[in-house]
C-alpha cells in the first residue's frame, strides 16, 4: 500500500473542512441525511469531512450541487483555504 504524501493528507483535511462548513451553512443537514437525500453514499460525507478518503470528482460535484453551489465555486473556496502557493506536485 502506498503511503499518502503530507500534501495529499493536507488537501483531504482542507477539503473536509470546506465541505463540513458548507454543509452546516448551506443545508443545516447532518452528513448522513445529506448523503441519503442526494445519493452520495452513507458515511461517505463523514469520511470526506474527516479527510479519510480521496474522493472522486463526481462525488465532490454532487456535494456542491447538494449545497446549491456550482462545482467551480466549491473549487474556489477550496483554493482559497489551501492558499495560493499550495501545490500537490513538487516542481
N, C-alpha and C. Protein backbone atom coordinates (compact mmCIF):
# COMPACT_ATOMS: atom_id res chain seq x y z
N UNK A 1 0.84 -1.18 0.00
CA UNK A 1 0.00 0.00 0.00
C UNK A 1 0.89 1.24 0.00
N UNK A 2 0.56 2.18 -0.85
CA UNK A 2 1.34 3.39 -0.99
C UNK A 2 0.98 4.40 0.10
N UNK A 3 1.97 4.98 0.72
CA UNK A 3 1.77 5.99 1.76
C UNK A 3 1.36 7.30 1.12
N UNK A 4 0.37 7.94 1.70
CA UNK A 4 -0.09 9.24 1.20
C UNK A 4 0.89 10.31 1.61
N UNK A 5 1.16 11.23 0.70
CA UNK A 5 2.07 12.33 1.00
C UNK A 5 1.42 13.30 1.97
N UNK A 6 2.24 14.08 2.64
CA UNK A 6 1.73 15.09 3.56
C UNK A 6 0.83 16.08 2.84
N UNK A 7 1.16 16.38 1.59
CA UNK A 7 0.35 17.32 0.82
C UNK A 7 -1.03 16.75 0.52
N UNK A 8 -1.08 15.47 0.19
CA UNK A 8 -2.36 14.81 -0.08
C UNK A 8 -3.21 14.78 1.19
N UNK A 9 -2.59 14.45 2.30
CA UNK A 9 -3.32 14.42 3.56
C UNK A 9 -3.83 15.80 3.94
N UNK A 10 -3.01 16.82 3.70
CA UNK A 10 -3.42 18.20 3.98
C UNK A 10 -4.60 18.60 3.08
N UNK A 11 -4.51 18.24 1.80
CA UNK A 11 -5.59 18.53 0.86
C UNK A 11 -6.90 17.90 1.33
N UNK A 12 -6.84 16.62 1.72
CA UNK A 12 -8.02 15.93 2.22
C UNK A 12 -8.62 16.65 3.43
N UNK A 13 -7.74 17.05 4.35
CA UNK A 13 -8.19 17.74 5.56
C UNK A 13 -8.90 19.04 5.23
N UNK A 14 -8.33 19.82 4.34
CA UNK A 14 -8.93 21.10 3.98
C UNK A 14 -10.22 20.90 3.20
N UNK A 15 -10.25 19.94 2.29
CA UNK A 15 -11.49 19.64 1.57
C UNK A 15 -12.58 19.27 2.56
N UNK A 16 -12.25 18.43 3.53
CA UNK A 16 -13.22 18.04 4.55
C UNK A 16 -13.73 19.22 5.35
N UNK A 17 -12.83 20.12 5.69
CA UNK A 17 -13.21 21.32 6.44
C UNK A 17 -14.17 22.19 5.63
N UNK A 18 -13.86 22.39 4.36
CA UNK A 18 -14.72 23.20 3.49
C UNK A 18 -16.08 22.54 3.31
N UNK A 19 -16.10 21.24 3.06
CA UNK A 19 -17.36 20.52 2.87
C UNK A 19 -18.21 20.60 4.14
N UNK A 20 -17.60 20.38 5.29
CA UNK A 20 -18.36 20.43 6.54
C UNK A 20 -18.95 21.81 6.78
N UNK A 21 -18.15 22.85 6.57
CA UNK A 21 -18.65 24.20 6.80
C UNK A 21 -19.78 24.54 5.84
N UNK A 22 -19.63 24.16 4.58
CA UNK A 22 -20.71 24.40 3.61
C UNK A 22 -21.97 23.63 3.99
N UNK A 23 -21.81 22.39 4.40
CA UNK A 23 -22.97 21.58 4.79
C UNK A 23 -23.73 22.25 5.92
N UNK A 24 -23.02 22.72 6.90
CA UNK A 24 -23.65 23.38 8.04
C UNK A 24 -24.30 24.69 7.61
N UNK A 25 -23.55 25.52 6.87
CA UNK A 25 -24.04 26.84 6.48
C UNK A 25 -25.16 26.80 5.45
N UNK A 26 -25.04 25.89 4.48
CA UNK A 26 -25.98 25.90 3.35
C UNK A 26 -27.19 24.99 3.55
N UNK A 27 -27.03 23.89 4.29
CA UNK A 27 -28.14 22.95 4.37
C UNK A 27 -28.66 22.74 5.79
N UNK A 28 -27.80 22.81 6.77
CA UNK A 28 -28.20 22.52 8.14
C UNK A 28 -28.49 21.04 8.37
N UNK A 29 -28.23 20.22 7.36
CA UNK A 29 -28.49 18.78 7.46
C UNK A 29 -27.31 18.06 8.09
N UNK A 30 -27.58 16.93 8.70
CA UNK A 30 -26.49 16.07 9.17
C UNK A 30 -25.82 15.47 7.93
N UNK A 31 -24.62 14.98 8.12
CA UNK A 31 -23.91 14.37 6.99
C UNK A 31 -24.67 13.20 6.41
N UNK A 32 -25.21 12.33 7.28
CA UNK A 32 -25.96 11.16 6.79
C UNK A 32 -27.22 11.56 6.05
N UNK A 33 -27.94 12.54 6.57
CA UNK A 33 -29.17 12.98 5.90
C UNK A 33 -28.85 13.57 4.53
N UNK A 34 -27.81 14.37 4.46
CA UNK A 34 -27.39 14.95 3.18
C UNK A 34 -27.03 13.85 2.20
N UNK A 35 -26.24 12.89 2.67
CA UNK A 35 -25.82 11.78 1.80
C UNK A 35 -27.02 10.99 1.29
N UNK A 36 -27.97 10.71 2.17
CA UNK A 36 -29.15 9.95 1.76
C UNK A 36 -30.03 10.72 0.79
N UNK A 37 -30.22 11.99 1.03
CA UNK A 37 -31.09 12.80 0.17
C UNK A 37 -30.52 13.01 -1.22
N UNK A 38 -29.20 13.01 -1.34
CA UNK A 38 -28.57 13.34 -2.61
C UNK A 38 -27.77 12.19 -3.20
N UNK A 39 -28.01 10.96 -2.72
CA UNK A 39 -27.40 9.76 -3.29
C UNK A 39 -25.87 9.86 -3.35
N UNK A 40 -25.30 10.26 -2.23
CA UNK A 40 -23.85 10.40 -2.17
C UNK A 40 -23.21 9.17 -1.53
N UNK A 41 -23.95 8.42 -0.78
CA UNK A 41 -23.41 7.21 -0.15
C UNK A 41 -23.34 7.38 1.35
N UNK A 42 -23.93 6.45 2.06
CA UNK A 42 -23.95 6.51 3.52
C UNK A 42 -22.53 6.51 4.08
N UNK A 43 -22.24 7.43 4.96
CA UNK A 43 -20.94 7.52 5.58
C UNK A 43 -19.89 8.21 4.74
N UNK A 44 -20.15 8.38 3.47
CA UNK A 44 -19.15 8.99 2.60
C UNK A 44 -18.87 10.44 2.99
N UNK A 45 -19.92 11.18 3.29
CA UNK A 45 -19.75 12.57 3.70
C UNK A 45 -18.88 12.63 4.95
N UNK A 46 -19.14 11.77 5.89
CA UNK A 46 -18.36 11.74 7.13
C UNK A 46 -16.89 11.45 6.84
N UNK A 47 -16.61 10.47 6.01
CA UNK A 47 -15.22 10.13 5.67
C UNK A 47 -14.54 11.27 4.93
N UNK A 48 -15.28 11.97 4.07
CA UNK A 48 -14.71 13.12 3.36
C UNK A 48 -14.43 14.24 4.34
N UNK A 49 -15.40 14.54 5.20
CA UNK A 49 -15.23 15.62 6.18
C UNK A 49 -14.08 15.35 7.14
N UNK A 50 -13.80 14.09 7.41
CA UNK A 50 -12.71 13.72 8.30
C UNK A 50 -11.38 13.53 7.58
N UNK A 51 -11.38 13.77 6.27
CA UNK A 51 -10.14 13.66 5.50
C UNK A 51 -9.62 12.24 5.38
N UNK A 52 -10.51 11.27 5.41
CA UNK A 52 -10.11 9.86 5.40
C UNK A 52 -10.01 9.25 4.01
N UNK A 53 -10.57 9.91 3.01
CA UNK A 53 -10.61 9.30 1.67
C UNK A 53 -10.21 10.30 0.59
N UNK A 54 -9.68 9.74 -0.49
CA UNK A 54 -9.52 10.51 -1.72
C UNK A 54 -10.83 10.31 -2.47
N UNK A 55 -11.64 11.35 -2.54
CA UNK A 55 -12.95 11.16 -3.16
C UNK A 55 -12.89 11.46 -4.65
N UNK A 56 -13.85 10.89 -5.34
CA UNK A 56 -13.94 11.06 -6.78
C UNK A 56 -14.47 12.45 -7.11
N UNK A 57 -14.07 12.94 -8.26
CA UNK A 57 -14.53 14.24 -8.74
C UNK A 57 -16.05 14.27 -8.80
N UNK A 58 -16.66 13.21 -9.26
CA UNK A 58 -18.11 13.17 -9.38
C UNK A 58 -18.78 13.31 -8.01
N UNK A 59 -18.16 12.76 -6.98
CA UNK A 59 -18.70 12.89 -5.62
C UNK A 59 -18.64 14.33 -5.15
N UNK A 60 -17.52 14.99 -5.39
CA UNK A 60 -17.38 16.39 -4.99
C UNK A 60 -18.38 17.25 -5.77
N UNK A 61 -18.59 16.92 -7.02
CA UNK A 61 -19.57 17.66 -7.84
C UNK A 61 -20.96 17.50 -7.22
N UNK A 62 -21.34 16.28 -6.85
CA UNK A 62 -22.63 16.03 -6.22
C UNK A 62 -22.76 16.80 -4.91
N UNK A 63 -21.69 16.83 -4.14
CA UNK A 63 -21.70 17.56 -2.88
C UNK A 63 -21.97 19.03 -3.13
N UNK A 64 -21.29 19.61 -4.10
CA UNK A 64 -21.51 21.02 -4.43
C UNK A 64 -22.97 21.26 -4.82
N UNK A 65 -23.50 20.43 -5.69
CA UNK A 65 -24.88 20.59 -6.12
C UNK A 65 -25.86 20.42 -4.96
N UNK A 66 -25.56 19.49 -4.05
CA UNK A 66 -26.45 19.26 -2.92
C UNK A 66 -26.52 20.49 -2.01
N UNK A 67 -25.50 21.31 -2.08
CA UNK A 67 -25.45 22.52 -1.25
C UNK A 67 -25.88 23.77 -2.01
N UNK A 68 -26.31 23.56 -3.25
CA UNK A 68 -26.82 24.66 -4.04
C UNK A 68 -25.76 25.59 -4.60
N UNK A 69 -24.54 25.07 -4.76
CA UNK A 69 -23.48 25.89 -5.35
C UNK A 69 -22.88 25.16 -6.54
N UNK A 70 -22.20 25.90 -7.39
CA UNK A 70 -21.51 25.31 -8.53
C UNK A 70 -20.23 24.64 -8.05
N UNK A 71 -19.82 23.62 -8.80
CA UNK A 71 -18.57 22.94 -8.50
C UNK A 71 -17.41 23.95 -8.53
N UNK A 72 -17.44 24.86 -9.48
CA UNK A 72 -16.36 25.84 -9.60
C UNK A 72 -16.30 26.74 -8.36
N UNK A 73 -17.44 27.04 -7.76
CA UNK A 73 -17.44 27.84 -6.53
C UNK A 73 -16.84 27.05 -5.37
N UNK A 74 -17.14 25.77 -5.31
CA UNK A 74 -16.54 24.93 -4.28
C UNK A 74 -15.02 24.87 -4.48
N UNK A 75 -14.61 24.75 -5.73
CA UNK A 75 -13.18 24.73 -6.03
C UNK A 75 -12.49 26.02 -5.60
N UNK A 76 -13.15 27.14 -5.84
CA UNK A 76 -12.58 28.42 -5.43
C UNK A 76 -12.45 28.53 -3.91
N UNK A 77 -13.47 28.06 -3.19
CA UNK A 77 -13.39 28.05 -1.73
C UNK A 77 -12.25 27.17 -1.25
N UNK A 78 -12.09 26.04 -1.88
CA UNK A 78 -11.01 25.12 -1.54
C UNK A 78 -9.65 25.74 -1.81
N UNK A 79 -9.50 26.35 -2.98
CA UNK A 79 -8.24 27.01 -3.33
C UNK A 79 -7.91 28.13 -2.35
N UNK A 80 -8.91 28.90 -1.97
CA UNK A 80 -8.70 29.99 -1.02
C UNK A 80 -8.22 29.45 0.32
N UNK A 81 -8.85 28.38 0.78
CA UNK A 81 -8.49 27.78 2.06
C UNK A 81 -7.10 27.15 2.03
N UNK A 82 -6.73 26.55 0.90
CA UNK A 82 -5.42 25.92 0.76
C UNK A 82 -4.29 26.95 0.68
N UNK A 83 -4.60 28.11 0.14
CA UNK A 83 -3.58 29.14 -0.03
C UNK A 83 -3.07 29.15 -1.46
N UNK A 84 -2.67 30.30 -1.91
CA UNK A 84 -2.30 30.45 -3.32
C UNK A 84 -1.04 29.70 -3.71
N UNK A 85 -0.19 29.36 -2.76
CA UNK A 85 1.05 28.66 -3.07
C UNK A 85 0.94 27.14 -3.00
N UNK A 86 -0.23 26.62 -2.64
CA UNK A 86 -0.38 25.19 -2.47
C UNK A 86 -0.27 24.46 -3.81
N UNK A 87 0.52 23.38 -3.82
CA UNK A 87 0.64 22.50 -4.99
C UNK A 87 0.76 21.08 -4.49
N UNK A 88 0.08 20.16 -5.16
CA UNK A 88 0.18 18.74 -4.80
C UNK A 88 1.45 18.12 -5.35
N UNK A 89 1.93 18.67 -6.44
CA UNK A 89 3.12 18.11 -7.12
C UNK A 89 4.30 19.06 -6.95
N UNK A 90 5.40 18.51 -6.47
CA UNK A 90 6.62 19.31 -6.36
C UNK A 90 7.20 19.53 -7.74
N UNK A 91 7.66 20.72 -7.97
CA UNK A 91 8.25 21.04 -9.30
C UNK A 91 9.74 20.95 -9.26
